Amino acid sequence: MAITIRDTEQHEKMLSDLKDLTNIPTMSKSLIQGGYLALRYHNLYEQERRENERLKAELRSLRGKVDVFVTAFDALKAK
């Protein structure tokens, strides 16, 4: 499979960085490896995002429980 990249001067820094990141000296192989890395890190991001949302929901629930407890405790102290 051949990969043709036009205007490589525009992308020279990115391509050089990608070769360094993947430790692959050829441009086409480093681009393919970079694509796999992008997919992998996107999946990791999605997993972390879902976990973050779950933890936020749990925190909201726990805060609600604490608020109810504090309100009830204050009501008992007022009596």
PDB file of N, CA and C in Angstrom:
ATOM      1  N   MET A   1       0.850  -1.162   0.000  1.00  0.00           N
ATOM      2  CA  MET A   1       0.000   0.000   0.000  1.00  0.00           C
ATOM      3  C   MET A   1       0.901   1.232   0.000  1.00  0.00           C
ATOM      4  N   ALA A   2       0.588   2.146  -0.872  1.00  0.00           N
ATOM      5  CA  ALA A   2       1.373   3.376  -0.957  1.00  0.00           C
ATOM      6  C   ALA A   2       0.578   4.525  -0.359  1.00  0.00           C
ATOM      7  N   ILE A   3       1.280   5.367   0.347  1.00  0.00           N
ATOM      8  CA  ILE A   3       0.658   6.552   0.926  1.00  0.00           C
ATOM      9  C   ILE A   3       1.322   7.763   0.300  1.00  0.00           C
ATOM     10  N   THR A   4       0.520   8.638  -0.277  1.00  0.00           N
ATOM     11  CA  THR A   4       1.047   9.856  -0.876  1.00  0.00           C
ATOM     12  C   THR A   4       0.666  11.034  -0.008  1.00  0.00           C
ATOM     13  N   ILE A   5       1.657  11.802   0.367  1.00  0.00           N
ATOM     14  CA  ILE A   5       1.409  12.992   1.179  1.00  0.00           C
ATOM     15  C   ILE A   5       1.862  14.197   0.376  1.00  0.00           C
ATOM     16  N   ARG A   6       0.965  15.108   0.172  1.00  0.00           N
ATOM     17  CA  ARG A   6       1.287  16.329  -0.547  1.00  0.00           C
ATOM     18  C   ARG A   6       1.691  17.401   0.465  1.00  0.00           C
ATOM     19  N   ASP A   7       2.454  18.359   0.005  1.00  0.00           N
ATOM     20  CA  ASP A   7       2.887  19.482   0.841  1.00  0.00           C
ATOM     21  C   ASP A   7       3.553  18.997   2.125  1.00  0.00           C
ATOM     22  N   THR A   8       4.512  18.093   1.993  1.00  0.00           N
ATOM     23  CA  THR A   8       5.172  17.562   3.185  1.00  0.00           C
ATOM     24  C   THR A   8       5.908  18.646   3.957  1.00  0.00           C
ATOM     25  N   GLU A   9       6.268  19.756   3.268  1.00  0.00           N
ATOM     26  CA  GLU A   9       6.942  20.849   3.971  1.00  0.00           C
ATOM     27  C   GLU A   9       6.044  21.402   5.081  1.00  0.00           C
ATOM     28  N   GLN A  10       4.755  21.474   4.817  1.00  0.00           N
ATOM     29  CA  GLN A  10       3.799  21.980   5.807  1.00  0.00           C
ATOM     30  C   GLN A  10       3.739  21.070   7.029  1.00  0.00           C
ATOM     31  N   HIS A  11       3.943  19.804   6.808  1.00  0.00           N
ATOM     32  CA  HIS A  11       3.758  18.813   7.864  1.00  0.00           C
ATOM     33  C   HIS A  11       5.082  18.235   8.359  1.00  0.00           C
ATOM     34  N   GLU A  12       6.183  18.859   7.976  1.00  0.00           N
ATOM     35  CA  GLU A  12       7.500  18.299   8.276  1.00  0.00           C
ATOM     36  C   GLU A  12       7.719  18.082   9.774  1.00  0.00           C
ATOM     37  N   LYS A  13       7.376  19.065  10.602  1.00  0.00           N
ATOM     38  CA  LYS A  13       7.572  18.949  12.054  1.00  0.00           C
ATOM     39  C   LYS A  13       6.716  17.821  12.622  1.00  0.00           C
ATOM     40  N   MET A  14       5.447  17.766  12.219  1.00  0.00           N
ATOM     41  CA  MET A  14       4.551  16.717  12.713  1.00  0.00           C
ATOM     42  C   MET A  14       5.060  15.343  12.292  1.00  0.00           C
ATOM     43  N   LEU A  15       5.477  15.205  11.054  1.00  0.00           N
ATOM     44  CA  LEU A  15       5.963  13.916  10.572  1.00  0.00           C
ATOM     45  C   LEU A  15       7.242  13.509  11.305  1.00  0.00           C
ATOM     46  N   SER A  16       8.116  14.462  11.551  1.00  0.00           N
ATOM     47  CA  SER A  16       9.336  14.174  12.302  1.00  0.00           C
ATOM     48  C   SER A  16       9.004  13.752  13.731  1.00  0.00           C
ATOM     49  N   ASP A  17       8.085  14.473  14.369  1.00  0.00           N
ATOM     50  CA  ASP A  17       7.667  14.117  15.728  1.00  0.00           C
ATOM     51  C   ASP A  17       7.015  12.738  15.766  1.00  0.00           C
ATOM     52  N   LEU A  18       6.237  12.422  14.739  1.00  0.00           N
ATOM     53  CA  LEU A  18       5.570  11.122  14.679  1.00  0.00           C
ATOM     54  C   LEU A  18       6.590   9.995  14.531  1.00  0.00           C
ATOM     55  N   LYS A  19       7.606  10.228  13.721  1.00  0.00           N
ATOM     56  CA  LYS A  19       8.669   9.222  13.586  1.00  0.00           C
ATOM     57  C   LYS A  19       9.363   9.002  14.925  1.00  0.00           C
ATOM     58  N   ASP A  20       9.610  10.094  15.650  1.00  0.00           N
ATOM     59  CA  ASP A  20      10.247   9.971  16.970  1.00  0.00           C
ATOM     60  C   ASP A  20       9.331   9.245  17.952  1.00  0.00           C
ATOM     61  N   LEU A  21       8.055   9.573  17.927  1.00  0.00           N
ATOM     62  CA  LEU A  21       7.090   8.966  18.846  1.00  0.00           C
ATOM     63  C   LEU A  21       6.971   7.464  18.627  1.00  0.00           C
ATOM     64  N   THR A  22       6.927   7.071  17.370  1.00  0.00           N
ATOM     65  CA  THR A  22       6.723   5.656  17.052  1.00  0.00           C
ATOM     66  C   THR A  22       8.029   4.868  16.966  1.00  0.00           C
ATOM     67  N   ASN A  23       9.150   5.585  16.958  1.00  0.00           N
ATOM     68  CA  ASN A  23      10.469   4.948  16.776  1.00  0.00           C
ATOM     69  C   ASN A  23      10.546   4.167  15.471  1.00  0.00           C
ATOM     70  N   ILE A  24       9.878   4.686  14.449  1.00  0.00           N
ATOM     71  CA  ILE A  24       9.885   4.055  13.127  1.00  0.00           C
ATOM     72  C   ILE A  24      10.459   5.073  12.142  1.00  0.00           C
ATOM     73  N   PRO A  25      11.522   4.712  11.414  1.00  0.00           N
ATOM     74  CA  PRO A  25      12.197   5.694  10.560  1.00  0.00           C
ATOM     75  C   PRO A  25      11.464   6.043   9.266  1.00  0.00           C
ATOM     76  N   THR A  26      10.579   5.181   8.793  1.00  0.00           N
ATOM     77  CA  THR A  26       9.910   5.477   7.527  1.00  0.00           C
ATOM     78  C   THR A  26       8.594   6.200   7.776  1.00  0.00           C
ATOM     79  N   MET A  27       8.305   7.151   6.886  1.00  0.00           N
ATOM     80  CA  MET A  27       7.133   7.994   7.060  1.00  0.00           C
ATOM     81  C   MET A  27       5.836   7.200   6.981  1.00  0.00           C
ATOM     82  N   SER A  28       5.706   6.334   5.991  1.00  0.00           N
ATOM     83  CA  SER A  28       4.432   5.627   5.826  1.00  0.00           C
ATOM     84  C   SER A  28       4.161   4.685   6.992  1.00  0.00           C
ATOM     85  N   LYS A  29       5.179   3.975   7.449  1.00  0.00           N
ATOM     86  CA  LYS A  29       4.975   3.064   8.579  1.00  0.00           C
ATOM     87  C   LYS A  29       4.687   3.836   9.861  1.00  0.00           C
ATOM     88  N   SER A  30       5.361   4.976  10.037  1.00  0.00           N
ATOM     89  CA  SER A  30       5.101   5.764  11.243  1.00  0.00           C
ATOM     90  C   SER A  30       3.701   6.369  11.200  1.00  0.00           C
ATOM     91  N   LEU A  31       3.206   6.725  10.007  1.00  0.00           N
ATOM     92  CA  LEU A  31       1.830   7.228   9.885  1.00  0.00           C
ATOM     93  C   LEU A  31       0.818   6.148  10.247  1.00  0.00           C
ATOM     94  N   ILE A  32       1.050   4.940   9.780  1.00  0.00           N
ATOM     95  CA  ILE A  32       0.140   3.835  10.096  1.00  0.00           C
ATOM     96  C   ILE A  32       0.168   3.555  11.594  1.00  0.00           C
ATOM     97  N   GLN A  33       1.375   3.487  12.171  1.00  0.00           N
ATOM     98  CA  GLN A  33       1.488   3.256  13.612  1.00  0.00           C
ATOM     99  C   GLN A  33       0.839   4.404  14.381  1.00  0.00           C
ATOM    100  N   GLY A  34       1.013   5.632  13.893  1.00  0.00           N
ATOM    101  CA  GLY A  34       0.379   6.787  14.530  1.00  0.00           C
ATOM    102  C   GLY A  34      -1.132   6.682  14.510  1.00  0.00           C
ATOM    103  N   GLY A  35      -1.675   6.144  13.428  1.00  0.00           N
ATOM    104  CA  GLY A  35      -3.120   5.933  13.356  1.00  0.00           C
ATOM    105  C   GLY A  35      -3.595   4.941  14.401  1.00  0.00           C
ATOM    106  N   TYR A  36      -2.853   3.862  14.559  1.00  0.00           N
ATOM    107  CA  TYR A  36      -3.208   2.881  15.592  1.00  0.00           C
ATOM    108  C   TYR A  36      -3.109   3.493  16.989  1.00  0.00           C
ATOM    109  N   LEU A  37      -2.075   4.302  17.202  1.00  0.00           N
ATOM    110  CA  LEU A  37      -1.937   4.974  18.499  1.00  0.00           C
ATOM    111  C   LEU A  37      -3.102   5.924  18.751  1.00  0.00           C
ATOM    112  N   ALA A  38      -3.505   6.646  17.713  1.00  0.00           N
ATOM    113  CA  ALA A  38      -4.629   7.574  17.856  1.00  0.00           C
ATOM    114  C   ALA A  38      -5.897   6.823  18.247  1.00  0.00           C
ATOM    115  N   LEU A  39      -6.150   5.691  17.619  1.00  0.00           N
ATOM    116  CA  LEU A  39      -7.328   4.890  17.959  1.00  0.00           C
ATOM    117  C   LEU A  39      -7.245   4.369  19.386  1.00  0.00           C
ATOM    118  N   ARG A  40      -6.070   3.905  19.768  1.00  0.00           N
ATOM    119  CA  ARG A  40      -5.883   3.373  21.125  1.00  0.00           C
ATOM    120  C   ARG A  40      -6.129   4.459  22.169  1.00  0.00           C
ATOM    121  N   TYR A  41      -5.526   5.618  21.958  1.00  0.00           N
ATOM    122  CA  TYR A  41      -5.674   6.684  22.946  1.00  0.00           C
ATOM    123  C   TYR A  41      -7.071   7.288  22.939  1.00  0.00           C
ATOM    124  N   HIS A  42      -7.736   7.248  21.813  1.00  0.00           N
ATOM    125  CA  HIS A  42      -9.129   7.700  21.785  1.00  0.00           C
ATOM    126  C   HIS A  42      -9.994   6.758  22.625  1.00  0.00           C
ATOM    127  N   ASN A  43      -9.766   5.457  22.495  1.00  0.00           N
ATOM    128  CA  ASN A  43     -10.514   4.486  23.304  1.00  0.00           C
ATOM    129  C   ASN A  43     -10.230   4.674  24.792  1.00  0.00           C
ATOM    130  N   LEU A  44      -8.962   4.904  25.134  1.00  0.00           N
ATOM    131  CA  LEU A  44      -8.618   5.160  26.535  1.00  0.00           C
ATOM    132  C   LEU A  44      -9.299   6.429  27.042  1.00  0.00           C
ATOM    133  N   TYR A  45      -9.332   7.460  26.211  1.00  0.00           N
ATOM    134  CA  TYR A  45     -10.005   8.706  26.576  1.00  0.00           C
ATOM    135  C   TYR A  45     -11.488   8.455  26.848  1.00  0.00           C
ATOM    136  N   GLU A  46     -12.135   7.697  25.974  1.00  0.00           N
ATOM    137  CA  GLU A  46     -13.565   7.418  26.148  1.00  0.00           C
ATOM    138  C   GLU A  46     -13.816   6.646  27.440  1.00  0.00           C
ATOM    139  N   GLN A  47     -12.968   5.684  27.753  1.00  0.00           N
ATOM    140  CA  GLN A  47     -13.115   4.937  29.008  1.00  0.00           C
ATOM    141  C   GLN A  47     -12.975   5.865  30.207  1.00  0.00           C
ATOM    142  N   GLU A  48     -11.981   6.725  30.176  1.00  0.00           N
ATOM    143  CA  GLU A  48     -11.760   7.658  31.283  1.00  0.00           C
ATOM    144  C   GLU A  48     -12.912   8.659  31.398  1.00  0.00           C
ATOM    145  N   ARG A  49     -13.449   9.094  30.260  1.00  0.00           N
ATOM    146  CA  ARG A  49     -14.570  10.034  30.271  1.00  0.00           C
ATOM    147  C   ARG A  49     -15.796   9.395  30.917  1.00  0.00           C
ATOM    148  N   ARG A  50     -16.067   8.132  30.566  1.00  0.00           N
ATOM    149  CA  ARG A  50     -17.202   7.431  31.169  1.00  0.00           C
ATOM    150  C   ARG A  50     -17.000   7.245  32.672  1.00  0.00           C
ATOM    151  N   GLU A  51     -15.783   6.891  33.075  1.00  0.00           N
ATOM    152  CA  GLU A  51     -15.487   6.721  34.497  1.00  0.00           C
ATOM    153  C   GLU A  51     -15.633   8.050  35.236  1.00  0.00           C
ATOM    154  N   ASN A  52     -15.204   9.114  34.608  1.00  0.00           N
ATOM    155  CA  ASN A  52     -15.335  10.445  35.199  1.00  0.00           C
ATOM    156  C   ASN A  52     -16.803  10.801  35.405  1.00  0.00           C
ATOM    157  N   GLU A  53     -17.632  10.531  34.424  1.00  0.00           N
ATOM    158  CA  GLU A  53     -19.073  10.805  34.544  1.00  0.00           C
ATOM    159  C   GLU A  53     -19.697   9.970  35.658  1.00  0.00           C
ATOM    160  N   ARG A  54     -19.290   8.709  35.754  1.00  0.00           N
ATOM    161  CA  ARG A  54     -19.808   7.849  36.816  1.00  0.00           C
ATOM    162  C   ARG A  54     -19.424   8.394  38.193  1.00  0.00           C
ATOM    163  N   LEU A  55     -18.185   8.807  38.321  1.00  0.00           N
ATOM    164  CA  LEU A  55     -17.724   9.346  39.601  1.00  0.00           C
ATOM    165  C   LEU A  55     -18.406  10.671  39.944  1.00  0.00           C
ATOM    166  N   LYS A  56     -18.659  11.495  38.942  1.00  0.00           N
ATOM    167  CA  LYS A  56     -19.385  12.748  39.188  1.00  0.00           C
ATOM    168  C   LYS A  56     -20.798  12.465  39.683  1.00  0.00           C
ATOM    169  N   ALA A  57     -21.464  11.485  39.082  1.00  0.00           N
ATOM    170  CA  ALA A  57     -22.816  11.121  39.510  1.00  0.00           C
ATOM    171  C   ALA A  57     -22.792  10.590  40.942  1.00  0.00           C
ATOM    172  N   GLU A  58     -21.801   9.773  41.256  1.00  0.00           N
ATOM    173  CA  GLU A  58     -21.672   9.245  42.615  1.00  0.00           C
ATOM    174  C   GLU A  58     -21.423  10.382  43.608  1.00  0.00           C
ATOM    175  N   LEU A  59     -20.604  11.330  43.237  1.00  0.00           N
ATOM    176  CA  LEU A  59     -20.326  12.475  44.099  1.00  0.00           C
ATOM    177  C   LEU A  59     -21.585  13.305  44.335  1.00  0.00           C
ATOM    178  N   ARG A  60     -22.367  13.534  43.272  1.00  0.00           N
ATOM    179  CA  ARG A  60     -23.631  14.269  43.435  1.00  0.00           C
ATOM    180  C   ARG A  60     -24.551  13.546  44.406  1.00  0.00           C
ATOM    181  N   SER A  61     -24.634  12.229  44.285  1.00  0.00           N
ATOM    182  CA  SER A  61     -25.477  11.436  45.171  1.00  0.00           C
ATOM    183  C   SER A  61     -25.006  11.543  46.618  1.00  0.00           C
ATOM    184  N   LEU A  62     -23.714  11.404  46.825  1.00  0.00           N
ATOM    185  CA  LEU A  62     -23.174  11.482  48.184  1.00  0.00           C
ATOM    186  C   LEU A  62     -23.342  12.876  48.780  1.00  0.00           C
ATOM    187  N   ARG A  63     -23.173  13.895  47.960  1.00  0.00           N
ATOM    188  CA  ARG A  63     -23.391  15.262  48.454  1.00  0.00           C
ATOM    189  C   ARG A  63     -24.842  15.454  48.876  1.00  0.00           C
ATOM    190  N   GLY A  64     -25.753  14.886  48.105  1.00  0.00           N
ATOM    191  CA  GLY A  64     -27.168  14.971  48.464  1.00  0.00           C
ATOM    192  C   GLY A  64     -27.441  14.301  49.794  1.00  0.00           C
ATOM    193  N   LYS A  65     -26.839  13.142  50.009  1.00  0.00           N
ATOM    194  CA  LYS A  65     -27.024  12.430  51.278  1.00  0.00           C
ATOM    195  C   LYS A  65     -26.455  13.230  52.445  1.00  0.00           C
ATOM    196  N   VAL A  66     -25.308  13.842  52.242  1.00  0.00           N
ATOM    197  CA  VAL A  66     -24.713  14.666  53.297  1.00  0.00           C
ATOM    198  C   VAL A  66     -25.604  15.868  53.588  1.00  0.00           C
ATOM    199  N   ASP A  67     -26.139  16.497  52.551  1.00  0.00           N
ATOM    200  CA  ASP A  67     -27.037  17.640  52.752  1.00  0.00           C
ATOM    201  C   ASP A  67     -28.266  17.247  53.561  1.00  0.00           C
ATOM    202  N   VAL A  68     -28.848  16.083  53.251  1.00  0.00           N
ATOM    203  CA  VAL A  68     -30.015  15.603  53.995  1.00  0.00           C
ATOM    204  C   VAL A  68     -29.637  15.353  55.452  1.00  0.00           C
ATOM    205  N   PHE A  69     -28.486  14.737  55.670  1.00  0.00           N
ATOM    206  CA  PHE A  69     -28.033  14.468  57.033  1.00  0.00           C
ATOM    207  C   PHE A  69     -27.831  15.766  57.810  1.00  0.00           C
ATOM    208  N   VAL A  70     -27.156  16.731  57.208  1.00  0.00           N
ATOM    209  CA  VAL A  70     -26.888  18.004  57.890  1.00  0.00           C
ATOM    210  C   VAL A  70     -28.188  18.729  58.193  1.00  0.00           C
ATOM    211  N   THR A  71     -29.118  18.728  57.264  1.00  0.00           N
ATOM    212  CA  THR A  71     -30.410  19.374  57.489  1.00  0.00           C
ATOM    213  C   THR A  71     -31.147  18.709  58.643  1.00  0.00           C
ATOM    214  N   ALA A  72     -31.170  17.374  58.659  1.00  0.00           N
ATOM    215  CA  ALA A  72     -31.843  16.647  59.738  1.00  0.00           C
ATOM    216  C   ALA A  72     -31.136  16.887  61.071  1.00  0.00           C
ATOM    217  N   PHE A  73     -29.833  16.905  61.055  1.00  0.00           N
ATOM    218  CA  PHE A  73     -29.069  17.141  62.278  1.00  0.00           C
ATOM    219  C   PHE A  73     -29.333  18.545  62.826  1.00  0.00           C
ATOM    220  N   ASP A  74     -29.351  19.528  61.946  1.00  0.00           N
ATOM    221  CA  ASP A  74     -29.651  20.903  62.366  1.00  0.00           C
ATOM    222  C   ASP A  74     -31.062  21.006  62.936  1.00  0.00           C
ATOM    223  N   ALA A  75     -32.006  20.280  62.335  1.00  0.00           N
ATOM    224  CA  ALA A  75     -33.385  20.297  62.834  1.00  0.00           C
ATOM    225  C   ALA A  75     -33.451  19.687  64.231  1.00  0.00           C
ATOM    226  N   LEU A  76     -32.696  18.632  64.473  1.00  0.00           N
ATOM    227  CA  LEU A  76     -32.673  18.017  65.800  1.00  0.00           C
ATOM    228  C   LEU A  76     -32.030  18.944  66.833  1.00  0.00           C
ATOM    229  N   LYS A  77     -31.003  19.639  66.453  1.00  0.00           N
ATOM    230  CA  LYS A  77     -30.341  20.565  67.375  1.00  0.00           C
ATOM    231  C   LYS A  77     -31.246  21.739  67.731  1.00  0.00           C
ATOM    232  N   ALA A  78     -32.108  22.133  66.812  1.00  0.00           N
ATOM    233  CA  ALA A  78     -32.984  23.287  67.034  1.00  0.00           C
ATOM    234  C   ALA A  78     -34.095  22.968  68.021  1.00  0.00           C
ATOM    235  N   LYS A  79     -34.389  21.704  68.234  1.00  0.00           N
ATOM    236  CA  LYS A  79     -35.490  21.323  69.133  1.00  0.00           C
ATOM    237  C   LYS A  79     -35.124  21.458  70.553  1.00  0.00           C
TER     238      LYS A  79
END
